[in-house]
Amino acid sequence: MGKTYAVLMSYKEASNIDPKFSSTRGTKGVTVGTLKKYEDDLHSAEKCLEVNSNDAFAWYQKGAALNNLNRYREAIRSFERALEIRSGLAIAWYNKGSALVALGEYEEAVKSFDMGYSN
């Protein structure tokens, strides 16, 4: 965890230097997710989206955080927004499928997984 924490602090410093550089916030969110601080990950994604609401990866990151918080419907909406922006984002298709499985919507989940594999 020590290296992950050090990376997180580096991202924090970079985003403080240039708050509009959304990719540092997005990558910070992934690092926070690695530490299993999903509320922080969600907050990081939302901050990134304040800067750039058309950032597909930030929408994916928000969905992943919501998925980890068992907020599946909200996660699906975030994954769908990511896919509106970047339809070939296979990981968003996969995670949307995972959220659908958690909700027992297996047929829709299979469609989502298929889309992820075809991209």
N, C-alpha and C. Protein backbone atom coordinates (compact mmCIF):
# COMPACT_ATOMS: atom_id res chain seq x y z
N MET A 1 0.82 -1.19 0.00
CA MET A 1 0.00 0.00 0.00
C MET A 1 0.86 1.26 0.00
N GLY A 2 2.10 1.19 0.45
CA GLY A 2 2.96 2.36 0.53
C GLY A 2 3.17 3.03 -0.81
N LYS A 3 3.46 2.23 -1.85
CA LYS A 3 3.69 2.81 -3.18
C LYS A 3 2.40 3.41 -3.73
N THR A 4 1.29 2.73 -3.52
CA THR A 4 0.01 3.25 -4.00
C THR A 4 -0.30 4.58 -3.35
N TYR A 5 -0.04 4.69 -2.06
CA TYR A 5 -0.28 5.94 -1.35
C TYR A 5 0.63 7.05 -1.89
N ALA A 6 1.88 6.71 -2.17
CA ALA A 6 2.82 7.70 -2.72
C ALA A 6 2.35 8.20 -4.08
N VAL A 7 1.85 7.28 -4.90
CA VAL A 7 1.32 7.67 -6.21
C VAL A 7 0.12 8.59 -6.02
N LEU A 8 -0.76 8.26 -5.09
CA LEU A 8 -1.93 9.08 -4.81
C LEU A 8 -1.52 10.49 -4.42
N MET A 9 -0.52 10.62 -3.59
CA MET A 9 -0.05 11.94 -3.17
C MET A 9 0.54 12.72 -4.35
N SER A 10 1.19 12.03 -5.26
CA SER A 10 1.73 12.69 -6.46
C SER A 10 0.60 13.23 -7.33
N TYR A 11 -0.47 12.44 -7.51
CA TYR A 11 -1.62 12.91 -8.28
C TYR A 11 -2.28 14.10 -7.61
N LYS A 12 -2.36 14.04 -6.28
CA LYS A 12 -2.97 15.15 -5.55
C LYS A 12 -2.17 16.43 -5.79
N GLU A 13 -0.85 16.32 -5.72
CA GLU A 13 0.00 17.49 -5.95
C GLU A 13 -0.17 18.01 -7.38
N ALA A 14 -0.21 17.10 -8.36
CA ALA A 14 -0.36 17.51 -9.76
C ALA A 14 -1.70 18.19 -10.00
N SER A 15 -2.76 17.67 -9.40
CA SER A 15 -4.07 18.29 -9.62
C SER A 15 -4.18 19.62 -8.89
N ASN A 16 -3.41 19.81 -7.83
CA ASN A 16 -3.38 21.11 -7.16
C ASN A 16 -2.64 22.15 -8.01
N ILE A 17 -1.62 21.70 -8.74
CA ILE A 17 -0.87 22.60 -9.62
C ILE A 17 -1.75 23.08 -10.76
N ASP A 18 -2.48 22.15 -11.38
CA ASP A 18 -3.37 22.49 -12.50
C ASP A 18 -4.70 21.78 -12.34
N PRO A 19 -5.66 22.37 -11.61
CA PRO A 19 -6.94 21.72 -11.34
C PRO A 19 -7.74 21.40 -12.59
N LYS A 20 -7.46 22.06 -13.70
CA LYS A 20 -8.22 21.80 -14.93
C LYS A 20 -7.67 20.62 -15.71
N PHE A 21 -6.57 20.06 -15.28
CA PHE A 21 -5.99 18.91 -15.96
C PHE A 21 -6.71 17.66 -15.47
N SER A 22 -7.82 17.35 -16.13
CA SER A 22 -8.74 16.33 -15.62
C SER A 22 -8.14 14.94 -15.58
N SER A 23 -7.18 14.63 -16.44
CA SER A 23 -6.66 13.27 -16.43
C SER A 23 -5.93 12.94 -15.13
N THR A 24 -5.37 13.93 -14.45
CA THR A 24 -4.74 13.63 -13.16
C THR A 24 -5.80 13.25 -12.14
N ARG A 25 -6.94 13.92 -12.21
CA ARG A 25 -8.03 13.56 -11.28
C ARG A 25 -8.55 12.17 -11.59
N GLY A 26 -8.69 11.86 -12.87
CA GLY A 26 -9.19 10.54 -13.25
C GLY A 26 -8.26 9.43 -12.81
N THR A 27 -6.97 9.62 -13.03
CA THR A 27 -6.01 8.61 -12.63
C THR A 27 -5.91 8.53 -11.12
N LYS A 28 -6.06 9.66 -10.46
CA LYS A 28 -6.08 9.66 -8.99
C LYS A 28 -7.25 8.80 -8.52
N GLY A 29 -8.38 8.90 -9.18
CA GLY A 29 -9.54 8.11 -8.78
C GLY A 29 -9.28 6.62 -8.89
N VAL A 30 -8.58 6.21 -9.92
CA VAL A 30 -8.25 4.79 -10.07
C VAL A 30 -7.35 4.36 -8.93
N THR A 31 -6.40 5.19 -8.56
CA THR A 31 -5.50 4.87 -7.45
C THR A 31 -6.28 4.80 -6.14
N VAL A 32 -7.19 5.73 -5.93
CA VAL A 32 -8.03 5.70 -4.72
C VAL A 32 -8.85 4.42 -4.71
N GLY A 33 -9.38 4.03 -5.87
CA GLY A 33 -10.14 2.79 -5.95
C GLY A 33 -9.30 1.58 -5.56
N THR A 34 -8.03 1.60 -5.92
CA THR A 34 -7.13 0.52 -5.54
C THR A 34 -7.03 0.41 -4.02
N LEU A 35 -7.13 1.54 -3.34
CA LEU A 35 -7.09 1.55 -1.88
C LEU A 35 -8.46 1.23 -1.27
N LYS A 36 -9.45 0.97 -2.12
CA LYS A 36 -10.82 0.64 -1.71
C LYS A 36 -11.50 1.78 -0.95
N LYS A 37 -11.22 2.99 -1.38
CA LYS A 37 -11.88 4.17 -0.83
C LYS A 37 -12.85 4.66 -1.90
N TYR A 38 -13.95 3.94 -2.04
CA TYR A 38 -14.84 4.15 -3.18
C TYR A 38 -15.57 5.49 -3.13
N GLU A 39 -15.89 5.98 -1.94
CA GLU A 39 -16.52 7.31 -1.85
C GLU A 39 -15.55 8.37 -2.37
N ASP A 40 -14.28 8.23 -2.02
CA ASP A 40 -13.26 9.17 -2.52
C ASP A 40 -13.11 9.05 -4.03
N ASP A 41 -13.17 7.82 -4.52
CA ASP A 41 -13.09 7.57 -5.96
C ASP A 41 -14.25 8.25 -6.68
N LEU A 42 -15.44 8.13 -6.11
CA LEU A 42 -16.62 8.76 -6.68
C LEU A 42 -16.45 10.28 -6.70
N HIS A 43 -15.98 10.82 -5.60
CA HIS A 43 -15.75 12.27 -5.51
C HIS A 43 -14.73 12.73 -6.56
N SER A 44 -13.68 11.96 -6.73
CA SER A 44 -12.65 12.30 -7.71
C SER A 44 -13.22 12.31 -9.12
N ALA A 45 -14.05 11.32 -9.44
CA ALA A 45 -14.68 11.27 -10.77
C ALA A 45 -15.60 12.46 -10.98
N GLU A 46 -16.38 12.79 -9.95
CA GLU A 46 -17.30 13.93 -10.08
C GLU A 46 -16.54 15.24 -10.27
N LYS A 47 -15.41 15.40 -9.58
CA LYS A 47 -14.58 16.59 -9.76
C LYS A 47 -14.04 16.65 -11.19
N CYS A 48 -13.62 15.53 -11.70
CA CYS A 48 -13.12 15.45 -13.07
C CYS A 48 -14.22 15.84 -14.05
N LEU A 49 -15.44 15.39 -13.80
CA LEU A 49 -16.56 15.70 -14.69
C LEU A 49 -16.97 17.16 -14.61
N GLU A 50 -16.70 17.81 -13.48
CA GLU A 50 -16.95 19.26 -13.38
C GLU A 50 -16.06 20.01 -14.36
N VAL A 51 -14.86 19.52 -14.56
CA VAL A 51 -13.91 20.15 -15.47
C VAL A 51 -14.23 19.79 -16.92
N ASN A 52 -14.57 18.52 -17.17
CA ASN A 52 -14.85 18.06 -18.53
C ASN A 52 -15.96 17.02 -18.49
N SER A 53 -17.17 17.44 -18.76
CA SER A 53 -18.32 16.54 -18.70
C SER A 53 -18.36 15.55 -19.86
N ASN A 54 -17.45 15.68 -20.80
CA ASN A 54 -17.38 14.75 -21.93
C ASN A 54 -16.19 13.80 -21.83
N ASP A 55 -15.70 13.59 -20.63
CA ASP A 55 -14.58 12.69 -20.40
C ASP A 55 -15.14 11.28 -20.17
N ALA A 56 -15.04 10.44 -21.19
CA ALA A 56 -15.60 9.09 -21.12
C ALA A 56 -14.99 8.29 -19.98
N PHE A 57 -13.69 8.43 -19.77
CA PHE A 57 -13.04 7.67 -18.71
C PHE A 57 -13.52 8.12 -17.34
N ALA A 58 -13.78 9.40 -17.16
CA ALA A 58 -14.31 9.88 -15.87
C ALA A 58 -15.70 9.32 -15.62
N TRP A 59 -16.53 9.24 -16.67
CA TRP A 59 -17.85 8.63 -16.52
C TRP A 59 -17.72 7.16 -16.17
N TYR A 60 -16.75 6.48 -16.82
CA TYR A 60 -16.50 5.08 -16.48
C TYR A 60 -16.07 4.97 -15.02
N GLN A 61 -15.13 5.82 -14.62
CA GLN A 61 -14.62 5.81 -13.24
C GLN A 61 -15.75 6.02 -12.24
N LYS A 62 -16.65 6.96 -12.55
CA LYS A 62 -17.79 7.20 -11.67
C LYS A 62 -18.66 5.95 -11.57
N GLY A 63 -18.90 5.33 -12.71
CA GLY A 63 -19.69 4.09 -12.72
C GLY A 63 -19.03 2.99 -11.91
N ALA A 64 -17.71 2.86 -12.05
CA ALA A 64 -16.98 1.82 -11.31
C ALA A 64 -17.09 2.07 -9.80
N ALA A 65 -16.97 3.32 -9.39
CA ALA A 65 -17.10 3.64 -7.96
C ALA A 65 -18.51 3.32 -7.47
N LEU A 66 -19.50 3.71 -8.25
CA LEU A 66 -20.89 3.42 -7.86
C LEU A 66 -21.14 1.92 -7.82
N ASN A 67 -20.56 1.19 -8.76
CA ASN A 67 -20.68 -0.27 -8.78
C ASN A 67 -20.10 -0.85 -7.49
N ASN A 68 -18.94 -0.37 -7.09
CA ASN A 68 -18.30 -0.85 -5.86
C ASN A 68 -19.08 -0.47 -4.61
N LEU A 69 -19.90 0.55 -4.72
CA LEU A 69 -20.75 0.97 -3.60
C LEU A 69 -22.14 0.31 -3.66
N ASN A 70 -22.30 -0.64 -4.58
CA ASN A 70 -23.56 -1.37 -4.78
C ASN A 70 -24.71 -0.46 -5.21
N ARG A 71 -24.38 0.62 -5.88
CA ARG A 71 -25.38 1.56 -6.41
C ARG A 71 -25.48 1.29 -7.91
N TYR A 72 -26.04 0.13 -8.23
CA TYR A 72 -25.96 -0.43 -9.58
C TYR A 72 -26.70 0.38 -10.63
N ARG A 73 -27.89 0.85 -10.34
CA ARG A 73 -28.65 1.64 -11.34
C ARG A 73 -27.89 2.91 -11.72
N GLU A 74 -27.37 3.59 -10.72
CA GLU A 74 -26.59 4.80 -10.98
C GLU A 74 -25.32 4.46 -11.77
N ALA A 75 -24.71 3.34 -11.42
CA ALA A 75 -23.50 2.90 -12.13
C ALA A 75 -23.81 2.67 -13.60
N ILE A 76 -24.92 2.00 -13.87
CA ILE A 76 -25.30 1.72 -15.26
C ILE A 76 -25.48 3.02 -16.03
N ARG A 77 -26.13 4.00 -15.42
CA ARG A 77 -26.30 5.30 -16.10
C ARG A 77 -24.95 5.94 -16.42
N SER A 78 -24.01 5.83 -15.50
CA SER A 78 -22.68 6.40 -15.74
C SER A 78 -21.95 5.65 -16.85
N PHE A 79 -22.04 4.32 -16.84
CA PHE A 79 -21.41 3.54 -17.91
C PHE A 79 -22.04 3.88 -19.26
N GLU A 80 -23.36 4.04 -19.27
CA GLU A 80 -24.04 4.39 -20.53
C GLU A 80 -23.59 5.75 -21.04
N ARG A 81 -23.38 6.69 -20.13
CA ARG A 81 -22.90 8.02 -20.55
C ARG A 81 -21.48 7.90 -21.12
N ALA A 82 -20.64 7.11 -20.48
CA ALA A 82 -19.28 6.88 -21.00
C ALA A 82 -19.35 6.29 -22.40
N LEU A 83 -20.28 5.38 -22.60
CA LEU A 83 -20.39 4.70 -23.90
C LEU A 83 -21.01 5.59 -24.97
N GLU A 84 -21.82 6.56 -24.56
CA GLU A 84 -22.32 7.55 -25.53
C GLU A 84 -21.15 8.35 -26.10
N ILE A 85 -20.19 8.63 -25.26
CA ILE A 85 -19.03 9.44 -25.65
C ILE A 85 -18.02 8.58 -26.41
N ARG A 86 -17.81 7.37 -25.93
CA ARG A 86 -16.79 6.49 -26.53
C ARG A 86 -17.31 5.05 -26.54
N SER A 87 -18.01 4.71 -27.60
CA SER A 87 -18.70 3.42 -27.68
C SER A 87 -17.76 2.22 -27.64
N GLY A 88 -16.50 2.41 -27.95
CA GLY A 88 -15.55 1.30 -27.95
C GLY A 88 -14.86 1.07 -26.63
N LEU A 89 -15.33 1.69 -25.57
CA LEU A 89 -14.70 1.55 -24.26
C LEU A 89 -15.13 0.21 -23.64
N ALA A 90 -14.39 -0.83 -23.99
CA ALA A 90 -14.78 -2.20 -23.63
C ALA A 90 -14.97 -2.39 -22.13
N ILE A 91 -14.13 -1.77 -21.33
CA ILE A 91 -14.24 -1.95 -19.88
C ILE A 91 -15.56 -1.40 -19.34
N ALA A 92 -16.10 -0.36 -19.99
CA ALA A 92 -17.40 0.18 -19.57
C ALA A 92 -18.50 -0.81 -19.91
N TRP A 93 -18.40 -1.46 -21.08
CA TRP A 93 -19.38 -2.50 -21.43
C TRP A 93 -19.33 -3.63 -20.41
N TYR A 94 -18.12 -4.06 -20.06
CA TYR A 94 -17.95 -5.16 -19.11
C TYR A 94 -18.54 -4.80 -17.74
N ASN A 95 -18.21 -3.62 -17.25
CA ASN A 95 -18.70 -3.23 -15.93
C ASN A 95 -20.20 -2.97 -15.92
N LYS A 96 -20.73 -2.48 -17.04
CA LYS A 96 -22.18 -2.35 -17.15
C LYS A 96 -22.81 -3.74 -17.03
N GLY A 97 -22.21 -4.71 -17.72
CA GLY A 97 -22.69 -6.09 -17.62
C GLY A 97 -22.64 -6.61 -16.20
N SER A 98 -21.58 -6.31 -15.50
CA SER A 98 -21.44 -6.76 -14.10
C SER A 98 -22.54 -6.16 -13.22
N ALA A 99 -22.84 -4.88 -13.44
CA ALA A 99 -23.91 -4.23 -12.67
C ALA A 99 -25.26 -4.88 -13.00
N LEU A 100 -25.47 -5.19 -14.27
CA LEU A 100 -26.72 -5.84 -14.66
C LEU A 100 -26.84 -7.23 -14.03
N VAL A 101 -25.74 -7.96 -13.95
CA VAL A 101 -25.76 -9.27 -13.28
C VAL A 101 -26.16 -9.09 -11.82
N ALA A 102 -25.60 -8.09 -11.16
CA ALA A 102 -25.92 -7.84 -9.74
C ALA A 102 -27.40 -7.56 -9.54
N LEU A 103 -28.04 -7.00 -10.59
CA LEU A 103 -29.47 -6.70 -10.53
C LEU A 103 -30.33 -7.87 -11.03
N GLY A 104 -29.68 -8.95 -11.46
CA GLY A 104 -30.41 -10.11 -11.96
C GLY A 104 -30.91 -9.95 -13.38
N GLU A 105 -30.40 -8.98 -14.10
CA GLU A 105 -30.81 -8.72 -15.48
C GLU A 105 -29.83 -9.41 -16.43
N TYR A 106 -29.92 -10.74 -16.46
CA TYR A 106 -28.91 -11.55 -17.13
C TYR A 106 -28.89 -11.40 -18.64
N GLU A 107 -30.05 -11.31 -19.27
CA GLU A 107 -30.07 -11.18 -20.74
C GLU A 107 -29.41 -9.88 -21.17
N GLU A 108 -29.72 -8.79 -20.48
CA GLU A 108 -29.09 -7.51 -20.80
C GLU A 108 -27.60 -7.55 -20.50
N ALA A 109 -27.23 -8.26 -19.44
CA ALA A 109 -25.81 -8.38 -19.08
C ALA A 109 -25.04 -9.08 -20.19
N VAL A 110 -25.60 -10.15 -20.74
CA VAL A 110 -24.94 -10.88 -21.82
C VAL A 110 -24.75 -9.97 -23.03
N LYS A 111 -25.75 -9.16 -23.34
CA LYS A 111 -25.63 -8.22 -24.46
C LYS A 111 -24.48 -7.24 -24.21
N SER A 112 -24.39 -6.76 -22.99
CA SER A 112 -23.34 -5.81 -22.65
C SER A 112 -21.96 -6.47 -22.74
N PHE A 113 -21.84 -7.69 -22.22
CA PHE A 113 -20.56 -8.40 -22.31
C PHE A 113 -20.18 -8.63 -23.77
N ASP A 114 -21.17 -9.01 -24.59
CA ASP A 114 -20.90 -9.23 -26.02
C ASP A 114 -20.39 -7.96 -26.68
N MET A 115 -21.00 -6.82 -26.33
CA MET A 115 -20.54 -5.55 -26.90
C MET A 115 -19.10 -5.25 -26.47
N GLY A 116 -18.78 -5.57 -25.25
CA GLY A 116 -17.42 -5.35 -24.76
C GLY A 116 -16.41 -6.21 -25.50
N TYR A 117 -16.78 -7.45 -25.77
CA TYR A 117 -15.86 -8.34 -26.48
C TYR A 117 -15.71 -7.97 -27.94
N SER A 118 -16.74 -7.38 -28.52
CA SER A 118 -16.67 -7.04 -29.95
C SER A 118 -15.94 -5.73 -30.21
N ASN A 119 -15.66 -4.97 -29.17
CA ASN A 119 -14.96 -3.68 -29.34
C ASN A 119 -13.48 -3.80 -29.10
